[in-house]
Amino acid sequence: MIDATAYVILTRFSRKFSEMNLSQIPEEEFHDGLKDQRRRRWAEENRAFIESYNAYIERNGVFGEDLLDLDDPPV
């Protein structure tokens, strides 16, 4: 049985390579598609935290920011 993620990847590739047999798709490209899917899913699942963290940094800055002098080049 094929899971939903693999099904989405396979159908996307089947449209991309409509003249090819799915078994001819390079394994590396299939795995790249899976990695892409996982990255998108992770970003979606963690969107609220990322937005919250970015808002916190906007309000408070990053740790040690007051110690940095970016106008003065290092010696």
C-alpha atoms as a PDB file:
ATOM      1  CA  MET A   1       0.000   0.000   0.000  1.00  0.00           C
ATOM      2  CA  ILE A   2       1.247   3.485  -0.835  1.00  0.00           C
ATOM      3  CA  ASP A   3       0.938   6.338   1.672  1.00  0.00           C
ATOM      4  CA  ALA A   4      -0.549   9.735   0.825  1.00  0.00           C
ATOM      5  CA  THR A   5       2.777  11.580   0.616  1.00  0.00           C
ATOM      6  CA  ALA A   6       4.274   9.057  -1.772  1.00  0.00           C
ATOM      7  CA  TYR A   7       1.065   9.155  -3.833  1.00  0.00           C
ATOM      8  CA  VAL A   8       1.307  12.950  -4.159  1.00  0.00           C
ATOM      9  CA  ILE A   9       4.959  12.699  -5.165  1.00  0.00           C
ATOM     10  CA  LEU A  10       4.263   9.955  -7.691  1.00  0.00           C
ATOM     11  CA  THR A  11       1.347  11.787  -9.279  1.00  0.00           C
ATOM     12  CA  ARG A  12       3.379  14.993  -9.500  1.00  0.00           C
ATOM     13  CA  PHE A  13       6.192  13.123 -11.180  1.00  0.00           C
ATOM     14  CA  SER A  14       3.808  11.233 -13.424  1.00  0.00           C
ATOM     15  CA  ARG A  15       2.475  14.546 -14.731  1.00  0.00           C
ATOM     16  CA  LYS A  16       6.006  15.867 -15.137  1.00  0.00           C
ATOM     17  CA  PHE A  17       7.128  12.743 -16.972  1.00  0.00           C
ATOM     18  CA  SER A  18       3.854  11.810 -18.623  1.00  0.00           C
ATOM     19  CA  GLU A  19       5.692  10.069 -21.464  1.00  0.00           C
ATOM     20  CA  MET A  20       7.759   7.970 -19.034  1.00  0.00           C
ATOM     21  CA  ASN A  21       6.981   4.973 -16.955  1.00  0.00           C
ATOM     22  CA  LEU A  22       7.160   5.817 -13.225  1.00  0.00           C
ATOM     23  CA  SER A  23       9.669   3.022 -12.757  1.00  0.00           C
ATOM     24  CA  GLN A  24      12.057   4.970 -14.992  1.00  0.00           C
ATOM     25  CA  ILE A  25      12.156   8.015 -12.701  1.00  0.00           C
ATOM     26  CA  PRO A  26      15.593   8.221 -11.110  1.00  0.00           C
ATOM     27  CA  GLU A  27      15.506   7.205  -7.466  1.00  0.00           C
ATOM     28  CA  GLU A  28      17.461  10.311  -6.475  1.00  0.00           C
ATOM     29  CA  GLU A  29      14.836  12.599  -7.972  1.00  0.00           C
ATOM     30  CA  PHE A  30      12.090  10.679  -6.177  1.00  0.00           C
ATOM     31  CA  HIS A  31      13.910  11.117  -2.852  1.00  0.00           C
ATOM     32  CA  ASP A  32      14.445  14.824  -3.574  1.00  0.00           C
ATOM     33  CA  GLY A  33      10.699  15.129  -4.050  1.00  0.00           C
ATOM     34  CA  LEU A  34      10.085  13.413  -0.716  1.00  0.00           C
ATOM     35  CA  LYS A  35      12.541  15.760   1.022  1.00  0.00           C
ATOM     36  CA  ASP A  36      10.778  18.744  -0.536  1.00  0.00           C
ATOM     37  CA  GLN A  37       7.431  17.468   0.696  1.00  0.00           C
ATOM     38  CA  ARG A  38       8.796  16.967   4.228  1.00  0.00           C
ATOM     39  CA  ARG A  39      10.314  20.464   4.283  1.00  0.00           C
ATOM     40  CA  ARG A  40       7.023  22.045   3.228  1.00  0.00           C
ATOM     41  CA  ARG A  41       5.077  19.990   5.769  1.00  0.00           C
ATOM     42  CA  TRP A  42       7.549  20.904   8.561  1.00  0.00           C
ATOM     43  CA  ALA A  43       7.310  24.607   7.688  1.00  0.00           C
ATOM     44  CA  GLU A  44       3.510  24.449   7.673  1.00  0.00           C
ATOM     45  CA  GLU A  45       3.333  22.540  10.967  1.00  0.00           C
ATOM     46  CA  ASN A  46       5.731  24.994  12.622  1.00  0.00           C
ATOM     47  CA  ARG A  47       4.454  28.205  11.011  1.00  0.00           C
ATOM     48  CA  ALA A  48       2.840  29.532  14.201  1.00  0.00           C
ATOM     49  CA  PHE A  49       6.037  29.069  16.215  1.00  0.00           C
ATOM     50  CA  ILE A  50       8.217  30.622  13.494  1.00  0.00           C
ATOM     51  CA  GLU A  51       5.938  33.672  13.242  1.00  0.00           C
ATOM     52  CA  SER A  52       5.869  33.995  17.028  1.00  0.00           C
ATOM     53  CA  TYR A  53       9.659  33.727  17.274  1.00  0.00           C
ATOM     54  CA  ASN A  54      10.180  36.281  14.504  1.00  0.00           C
ATOM     55  CA  ALA A  55       7.803  38.695  16.267  1.00  0.00           C
ATOM     56  CA  TYR A  56       9.743  38.191  19.518  1.00  0.00           C
ATOM     57  CA  ILE A  57      13.032  38.995  17.767  1.00  0.00           C
ATOM     58  CA  GLU A  58      11.464  42.083  16.180  1.00  0.00           C
ATOM     59  CA  ARG A  59      10.363  43.340  19.612  1.00  0.00           C
ATOM     60  CA  ASN A  60      13.394  42.319  21.676  1.00  0.00           C
ATOM     61  CA  GLY A  61      16.284  41.810  19.264  1.00  0.00           C
ATOM     62  CA  VAL A  62      18.705  38.905  19.430  1.00  0.00           C
ATOM     63  CA  PHE A  63      20.842  37.933  22.406  1.00  0.00           C
ATOM     64  CA  GLY A  64      24.001  40.059  22.578  1.00  0.00           C
ATOM     65  CA  GLU A  65      22.833  42.474  19.905  1.00  0.00           C
ATOM     66  CA  ASP A  66      23.675  45.418  22.162  1.00  0.00           C
ATOM     67  CA  LEU A  67      27.291  44.204  22.296  1.00  0.00           C
ATOM     68  CA  LEU A  68      27.733  44.215  18.520  1.00  0.00           C
ATOM     69  CA  ASP A  69      29.184  47.223  16.726  1.00  0.00           C
ATOM     70  CA  LEU A  70      28.583  46.491  13.071  1.00  0.00           C
ATOM     71  CA  ASP A  71      29.731  49.973  11.987  1.00  0.00           C
ATOM     72  CA  ASP A  72      33.271  49.364  13.268  1.00  0.00           C
ATOM     73  CA  PRO A  73      35.200  46.788  11.168  1.00  0.00           C
ATOM     74  CA  PRO A  74      37.111  44.080  13.056  1.00  0.00           C
ATOM     75  CA  VAL A  75      40.814  44.647  13.634  1.00  0.00           C
END
